[in-house]
């Protein structure tokens, strides 16, 4: 991979009804400022007892410039106590601003462990 540094992905769960994913397109100075993430896509997998409240499996994050962070909040439904992992797969289509017709797709996988979350009492 020519870009050198993989993107950073952070997953946060509020324990009730929302996941937040922060995706940072890390890119070292100075050379790699010429590589943009032309497209970025997020795919989430959640453990049994937790359900994503979204349309489709893949969320578009749009274009990311080097050093830029994109945050997305995804509503979830907590059905039962949960014990497992949330997996976030980020696919970035990297394009060079100075190498004509050069593109590369990279995938980064991040995991966040959830243990014994009890259903919220109302």
N, C-alpha and C. Protein backbone atom coordinates (compact mmCIF):
# COMPACT_ATOMS: atom_id res chain seq x y z
N UNK A 1 0.84 -1.18 0.00
CA UNK A 1 0.00 0.00 0.00
C UNK A 1 0.88 1.23 0.00
N UNK A 2 0.64 2.11 -0.92
CA UNK A 2 1.49 3.28 -1.08
C UNK A 2 1.25 4.36 -0.02
N UNK A 3 0.05 4.42 0.57
CA UNK A 3 -0.25 5.51 1.51
C UNK A 3 0.40 5.33 2.87
N UNK A 4 0.89 4.15 3.20
CA UNK A 4 1.72 3.99 4.39
C UNK A 4 1.01 3.80 5.70
N UNK A 5 0.06 4.66 6.07
CA UNK A 5 -0.58 4.60 7.37
C UNK A 5 -2.05 4.25 7.18
N UNK A 6 -2.50 3.23 7.92
CA UNK A 6 -3.90 2.83 7.82
C UNK A 6 -4.80 3.81 8.55
N UNK A 7 -6.03 3.94 8.11
CA UNK A 7 -6.99 4.81 8.79
C UNK A 7 -7.24 4.32 10.21
N UNK A 8 -7.61 5.25 11.08
CA UNK A 8 -7.93 4.92 12.46
C UNK A 8 -9.46 4.87 12.59
N UNK A 9 -9.97 3.82 13.23
CA UNK A 9 -11.41 3.66 13.42
C UNK A 9 -11.69 3.49 14.91
N UNK A 10 -12.57 4.33 15.45
CA UNK A 10 -12.99 4.21 16.85
C UNK A 10 -14.48 3.92 16.88
N UNK A 11 -14.88 2.98 17.72
CA UNK A 11 -16.29 2.64 17.88
C UNK A 11 -16.68 2.93 19.33
N UNK A 12 -17.80 3.63 19.49
CA UNK A 12 -18.31 3.92 20.83
C UNK A 12 -19.78 3.53 20.86
N UNK A 13 -20.19 2.88 21.96
CA UNK A 13 -21.59 2.51 22.14
C UNK A 13 -22.09 3.15 23.41
N UNK A 14 -23.22 3.85 23.35
CA UNK A 14 -23.73 4.55 24.53
C UNK A 14 -24.44 3.63 25.51
N UNK A 15 -24.58 2.34 25.15
CA UNK A 15 -25.20 1.38 26.04
C UNK A 15 -26.71 1.35 25.95
N UNK A 16 -27.29 2.23 25.13
CA UNK A 16 -28.75 2.31 25.06
C UNK A 16 -29.26 2.22 23.63
N UNK A 17 -28.96 3.25 22.81
CA UNK A 17 -29.62 3.30 21.50
C UNK A 17 -28.79 3.89 20.37
N UNK A 18 -27.47 4.02 20.54
CA UNK A 18 -26.67 4.60 19.46
C UNK A 18 -25.22 4.10 19.48
N UNK A 19 -24.71 3.88 18.26
CA UNK A 19 -23.29 3.60 18.05
C UNK A 19 -22.69 4.83 17.38
N UNK A 20 -21.48 5.18 17.75
CA UNK A 20 -20.78 6.24 17.04
C UNK A 20 -19.48 5.68 16.52
N UNK A 21 -19.22 5.90 15.22
CA UNK A 21 -17.97 5.49 14.60
C UNK A 21 -17.24 6.73 14.13
N UNK A 22 -15.99 6.86 14.53
CA UNK A 22 -15.12 7.95 14.10
C UNK A 22 -14.04 7.35 13.21
N UNK A 23 -13.98 7.82 11.98
CA UNK A 23 -13.01 7.32 11.01
C UNK A 23 -12.07 8.45 10.67
N UNK A 24 -10.77 8.25 10.93
CA UNK A 24 -9.76 9.25 10.61
C UNK A 24 -8.87 8.70 9.51
N UNK A 25 -8.80 9.45 8.41
CA UNK A 25 -7.92 9.06 7.31
C UNK A 25 -6.53 9.59 7.63
N UNK A 26 -5.74 8.78 8.30
CA UNK A 26 -4.38 9.15 8.68
C UNK A 26 -3.50 9.18 7.45
N UNK A 27 -2.66 10.17 7.36
CA UNK A 27 -1.78 10.27 6.20
C UNK A 27 -0.57 11.11 6.61
N UNK A 28 0.62 10.52 6.61
CA UNK A 28 1.80 11.25 7.08
C UNK A 28 2.20 12.39 6.15
N UNK A 29 2.80 13.41 6.72
CA UNK A 29 3.30 14.57 5.98
C UNK A 29 4.67 14.24 5.39
N UNK A 30 5.15 14.94 4.40
CA UNK A 30 4.41 15.88 3.56
C UNK A 30 3.91 15.20 2.28
N UNK A 31 4.59 14.11 1.87
CA UNK A 31 4.31 13.48 0.58
C UNK A 31 2.87 13.04 0.43
N UNK A 32 2.31 12.44 1.47
CA UNK A 32 1.04 11.76 1.30
C UNK A 32 -0.17 12.68 1.37
N UNK A 33 0.03 13.97 1.46
CA UNK A 33 -1.09 14.91 1.36
C UNK A 33 -1.72 14.87 -0.03
N UNK A 34 -1.07 14.21 -0.96
CA UNK A 34 -1.59 14.14 -2.34
C UNK A 34 -2.49 12.93 -2.57
N UNK A 35 -2.74 12.11 -1.53
CA UNK A 35 -3.60 10.94 -1.66
C UNK A 35 -4.90 11.18 -0.91
N UNK A 36 -6.03 11.24 -1.63
CA UNK A 36 -7.32 11.44 -0.99
C UNK A 36 -8.09 10.12 -0.97
N UNK A 37 -8.97 10.00 0.02
CA UNK A 37 -9.89 8.88 0.04
C UNK A 37 -11.11 9.33 -0.75
N UNK A 38 -11.13 8.94 -2.01
CA UNK A 38 -12.17 9.39 -2.93
C UNK A 38 -13.56 8.93 -2.48
N UNK A 39 -13.62 7.74 -1.91
CA UNK A 39 -14.85 7.20 -1.36
C UNK A 39 -14.51 6.42 -0.09
N UNK A 40 -15.41 6.47 0.87
CA UNK A 40 -15.23 5.70 2.10
C UNK A 40 -16.57 5.09 2.48
N UNK A 41 -16.54 3.80 2.84
CA UNK A 41 -17.75 3.09 3.19
C UNK A 41 -17.56 2.37 4.52
N UNK A 42 -18.60 2.37 5.35
CA UNK A 42 -18.60 1.72 6.64
C UNK A 42 -19.61 0.58 6.63
N UNK A 43 -19.18 -0.61 7.04
CA UNK A 43 -20.08 -1.75 7.21
C UNK A 43 -19.95 -2.23 8.64
N UNK A 44 -21.07 -2.29 9.36
CA UNK A 44 -21.07 -2.71 10.76
C UNK A 44 -21.70 -4.08 10.92
N UNK A 45 -21.13 -4.87 11.82
CA UNK A 45 -21.70 -6.14 12.23
C UNK A 45 -21.83 -6.09 13.75
N UNK A 46 -23.01 -6.42 14.25
CA UNK A 46 -23.25 -6.34 15.70
C UNK A 46 -23.62 -7.71 16.24
N UNK A 47 -23.39 -7.95 17.55
CA UNK A 47 -23.71 -9.25 18.13
C UNK A 47 -25.22 -9.44 18.33
N UNK A 48 -25.58 -10.67 18.59
CA UNK A 48 -26.97 -11.03 18.87
C UNK A 48 -27.49 -10.19 20.04
N UNK A 49 -28.72 -9.70 19.89
CA UNK A 49 -29.33 -8.87 20.93
C UNK A 49 -29.24 -7.39 20.62
N UNK A 50 -28.45 -7.04 19.63
CA UNK A 50 -28.30 -5.64 19.21
C UNK A 50 -28.63 -5.58 17.72
N UNK A 51 -29.47 -4.63 17.34
CA UNK A 51 -29.89 -4.53 15.95
C UNK A 51 -29.65 -3.11 15.44
N UNK A 52 -29.07 -3.00 14.24
CA UNK A 52 -28.87 -1.70 13.61
C UNK A 52 -30.20 -1.19 13.09
N UNK A 53 -30.49 0.08 13.33
CA UNK A 53 -31.72 0.70 12.87
C UNK A 53 -31.40 1.60 11.67
N UNK A 54 -30.92 0.97 10.58
CA UNK A 54 -30.51 1.70 9.38
C UNK A 54 -31.03 1.00 8.13
N UNK A 55 -31.00 1.73 7.02
CA UNK A 55 -31.34 1.15 5.73
C UNK A 55 -30.07 0.61 5.09
N UNK A 56 -30.05 -0.65 4.77
CA UNK A 56 -28.89 -1.23 4.08
C UNK A 56 -27.76 -1.60 5.02
N UNK A 57 -26.80 -2.32 4.45
CA UNK A 57 -25.66 -2.81 5.22
C UNK A 57 -24.48 -1.84 5.22
N UNK A 58 -24.42 -0.98 4.23
CA UNK A 58 -23.25 -0.14 4.04
C UNK A 58 -23.62 1.34 4.16
N UNK A 59 -22.79 2.09 4.88
CA UNK A 59 -23.02 3.53 5.08
C UNK A 59 -21.91 4.27 4.35
N UNK A 60 -22.29 5.20 3.47
CA UNK A 60 -21.29 5.98 2.75
C UNK A 60 -20.80 7.13 3.64
N UNK A 61 -19.49 7.28 3.73
CA UNK A 61 -18.89 8.37 4.49
C UNK A 61 -18.42 9.49 3.58
N UNK A 62 -18.58 9.30 2.27
CA UNK A 62 -18.18 10.33 1.32
C UNK A 62 -16.68 10.36 1.11
N UNK A 63 -16.16 11.53 0.76
CA UNK A 63 -14.74 11.72 0.48
C UNK A 63 -14.02 12.19 1.75
N UNK A 64 -12.80 11.70 1.97
CA UNK A 64 -11.99 12.11 3.12
C UNK A 64 -10.66 12.65 2.64
N UNK A 65 -10.30 13.82 3.13
CA UNK A 65 -8.99 14.38 2.86
C UNK A 65 -8.00 13.84 3.89
N UNK A 66 -6.71 13.80 3.58
CA UNK A 66 -5.73 13.34 4.56
C UNK A 66 -5.84 14.12 5.87
N UNK A 67 -5.88 13.38 6.98
CA UNK A 67 -5.99 13.98 8.30
C UNK A 67 -7.41 14.26 8.74
N UNK A 68 -8.39 14.11 7.87
CA UNK A 68 -9.78 14.41 8.19
C UNK A 68 -10.43 13.26 8.96
N UNK A 69 -11.32 13.62 9.89
CA UNK A 69 -12.10 12.64 10.64
C UNK A 69 -13.56 12.80 10.30
N UNK A 70 -14.23 11.70 10.05
CA UNK A 70 -15.66 11.70 9.79
C UNK A 70 -16.32 10.89 10.89
N UNK A 71 -17.34 11.46 11.52
CA UNK A 71 -18.10 10.77 12.56
C UNK A 71 -19.50 10.47 12.06
N UNK A 72 -19.98 9.30 12.40
CA UNK A 72 -21.34 8.91 12.03
C UNK A 72 -21.97 8.24 13.25
N UNK A 73 -23.22 8.62 13.52
CA UNK A 73 -23.99 8.03 14.61
C UNK A 73 -25.05 7.13 14.00
N UNK A 74 -25.09 5.89 14.44
CA UNK A 74 -26.02 4.90 13.91
C UNK A 74 -26.96 4.49 15.03
N UNK A 75 -28.27 4.67 14.82
CA UNK A 75 -29.22 4.22 15.84
C UNK A 75 -29.25 2.69 15.92
N UNK A 76 -29.39 2.18 17.14
CA UNK A 76 -29.48 0.74 17.35
C UNK A 76 -30.65 0.44 18.26
N UNK A 77 -31.10 -0.81 18.19
CA UNK A 77 -32.16 -1.29 19.07
C UNK A 77 -31.56 -2.38 19.94
N UNK A 78 -31.64 -2.17 21.24
CA UNK A 78 -31.12 -3.15 22.20
C UNK A 78 -32.27 -4.07 22.58
N UNK A 79 -32.21 -5.33 22.13
CA UNK A 79 -33.31 -6.26 22.32
C UNK A 79 -33.14 -7.14 23.55
N UNK A 80 -31.94 -7.52 23.87
CA UNK A 80 -31.63 -8.43 24.96
C UNK A 80 -30.29 -8.03 25.54
N UNK A 81 -29.91 -8.62 26.69
CA UNK A 81 -28.53 -8.42 27.13
C UNK A 81 -27.57 -8.87 26.03
N UNK A 82 -26.49 -8.16 25.88
CA UNK A 82 -25.57 -8.41 24.77
C UNK A 82 -24.19 -8.75 25.33
N UNK A 83 -23.56 -9.72 24.69
CA UNK A 83 -22.19 -10.07 25.03
C UNK A 83 -21.51 -10.47 23.73
N UNK A 84 -20.64 -9.61 23.21
CA UNK A 84 -19.98 -9.92 21.95
C UNK A 84 -19.20 -8.75 21.42
N UNK A 85 -18.96 -8.76 20.11
CA UNK A 85 -18.15 -7.72 19.47
C UNK A 85 -18.94 -6.97 18.40
N UNK A 86 -18.69 -5.68 18.35
CA UNK A 86 -19.13 -4.87 17.22
C UNK A 86 -17.94 -4.79 16.28
N UNK A 87 -18.17 -5.09 15.00
CA UNK A 87 -17.10 -5.03 14.01
C UNK A 87 -17.42 -3.94 13.01
N UNK A 88 -16.44 -3.07 12.77
CA UNK A 88 -16.58 -2.02 11.76
C UNK A 88 -15.56 -2.29 10.66
N UNK A 89 -16.04 -2.42 9.43
CA UNK A 89 -15.16 -2.55 8.27
C UNK A 89 -15.23 -1.25 7.49
N UNK A 90 -14.09 -0.66 7.25
CA UNK A 90 -14.00 0.58 6.48
C UNK A 90 -13.29 0.27 5.18
N UNK A 91 -13.95 0.58 4.07
CA UNK A 91 -13.34 0.45 2.75
C UNK A 91 -13.07 1.85 2.22
N UNK A 92 -11.81 2.13 1.89
CA UNK A 92 -11.42 3.43 1.35
C UNK A 92 -10.88 3.25 -0.06
N UNK A 93 -11.39 4.03 -0.98
CA UNK A 93 -10.85 4.05 -2.34
C UNK A 93 -9.91 5.25 -2.40
N UNK A 94 -8.60 4.97 -2.41
CA UNK A 94 -7.57 6.01 -2.37
C UNK A 94 -7.18 6.38 -3.80
N UNK A 95 -7.12 7.68 -4.05
CA UNK A 95 -6.73 8.17 -5.37
C UNK A 95 -5.59 9.16 -5.20
N UNK A 96 -4.64 9.10 -6.10
CA UNK A 96 -3.51 10.02 -6.09
C UNK A 96 -3.84 11.25 -6.92
N UNK A 97 -3.47 12.41 -6.39
CA UNK A 97 -3.66 13.66 -7.14
C UNK A 97 -2.53 13.88 -8.14
N UNK A 98 -1.42 13.12 -8.01
CA UNK A 98 -0.31 13.34 -8.93
C UNK A 98 0.08 12.12 -9.75
N UNK A 99 -0.41 10.93 -9.41
CA UNK A 99 -0.16 9.74 -10.23
C UNK A 99 -1.42 9.48 -11.06
N UNK A 100 -1.38 9.79 -12.31
CA UNK A 100 -2.55 9.68 -13.18
C UNK A 100 -3.10 8.25 -13.20
N UNK A 101 -4.42 8.17 -13.07
CA UNK A 101 -5.14 6.90 -13.15
C UNK A 101 -4.77 5.88 -12.07
N UNK A 102 -4.20 6.32 -10.95
CA UNK A 102 -3.85 5.39 -9.88
C UNK A 102 -4.93 5.42 -8.80
N UNK A 103 -5.44 4.22 -8.47
CA UNK A 103 -6.40 4.06 -7.38
C UNK A 103 -6.08 2.77 -6.65
N UNK A 104 -6.37 2.75 -5.38
CA UNK A 104 -6.19 1.54 -4.58
C UNK A 104 -7.29 1.50 -3.53
N UNK A 105 -7.85 0.32 -3.30
CA UNK A 105 -8.86 0.16 -2.26
C UNK A 105 -8.21 -0.55 -1.08
N UNK A 106 -8.41 0.03 0.10
CA UNK A 106 -7.90 -0.60 1.32
C UNK A 106 -9.06 -0.86 2.26
N UNK A 107 -8.91 -1.88 3.09
CA UNK A 107 -9.94 -2.22 4.07
C UNK A 107 -9.29 -2.27 5.45
N UNK A 108 -9.96 -1.64 6.39
CA UNK A 108 -9.52 -1.64 7.78
C UNK A 108 -10.67 -2.21 8.61
N UNK A 109 -10.34 -3.11 9.53
CA UNK A 109 -11.34 -3.70 10.39
C UNK A 109 -11.02 -3.33 11.83
N UNK A 110 -12.04 -2.86 12.55
CA UNK A 110 -11.89 -2.50 13.95
C UNK A 110 -12.96 -3.22 14.76
N UNK A 111 -12.61 -3.64 15.96
CA UNK A 111 -13.56 -4.36 16.81
C UNK A 111 -13.68 -3.66 18.17
N UNK A 112 -14.91 -3.71 18.69
CA UNK A 112 -15.19 -3.13 19.99
C UNK A 112 -15.97 -4.16 20.80
N UNK A 113 -15.44 -4.54 21.94
CA UNK A 113 -16.05 -5.57 22.78
C UNK A 113 -17.16 -4.99 23.65
N UNK A 114 -18.32 -5.67 23.66
CA UNK A 114 -19.43 -5.32 24.53
C UNK A 114 -19.66 -6.50 25.46
N UNK A 115 -19.80 -6.22 26.76
CA UNK A 115 -20.04 -7.33 27.69
C UNK A 115 -21.27 -7.04 28.55
N UNK A 116 -22.17 -8.00 28.58
CA UNK A 116 -23.32 -8.04 29.47
C UNK A 116 -24.03 -6.71 29.64
N UNK A 117 -24.53 -6.15 28.57
CA UNK A 117 -25.34 -4.93 28.66
C UNK A 117 -26.77 -5.33 28.94
N UNK A 118 -27.32 -4.76 29.98
CA UNK A 118 -28.70 -5.07 30.35
C UNK A 118 -29.64 -4.13 29.60
N UNK A 119 -30.79 -4.64 29.22
CA UNK A 119 -31.80 -3.83 28.56
C UNK A 119 -32.21 -2.69 29.48
N UNK A 120 -32.31 -1.48 28.93
CA UNK A 120 -32.66 -0.31 29.71
C UNK A 120 -34.07 -0.47 30.29
N UNK A 121 -34.21 -0.16 31.55
CA UNK A 121 -35.52 -0.23 32.21
C UNK A 121 -36.21 1.10 32.05
N UNK A 122 -37.49 1.05 31.68
CA UNK A 122 -38.26 2.29 31.49
C UNK A 122 -39.35 2.35 32.51
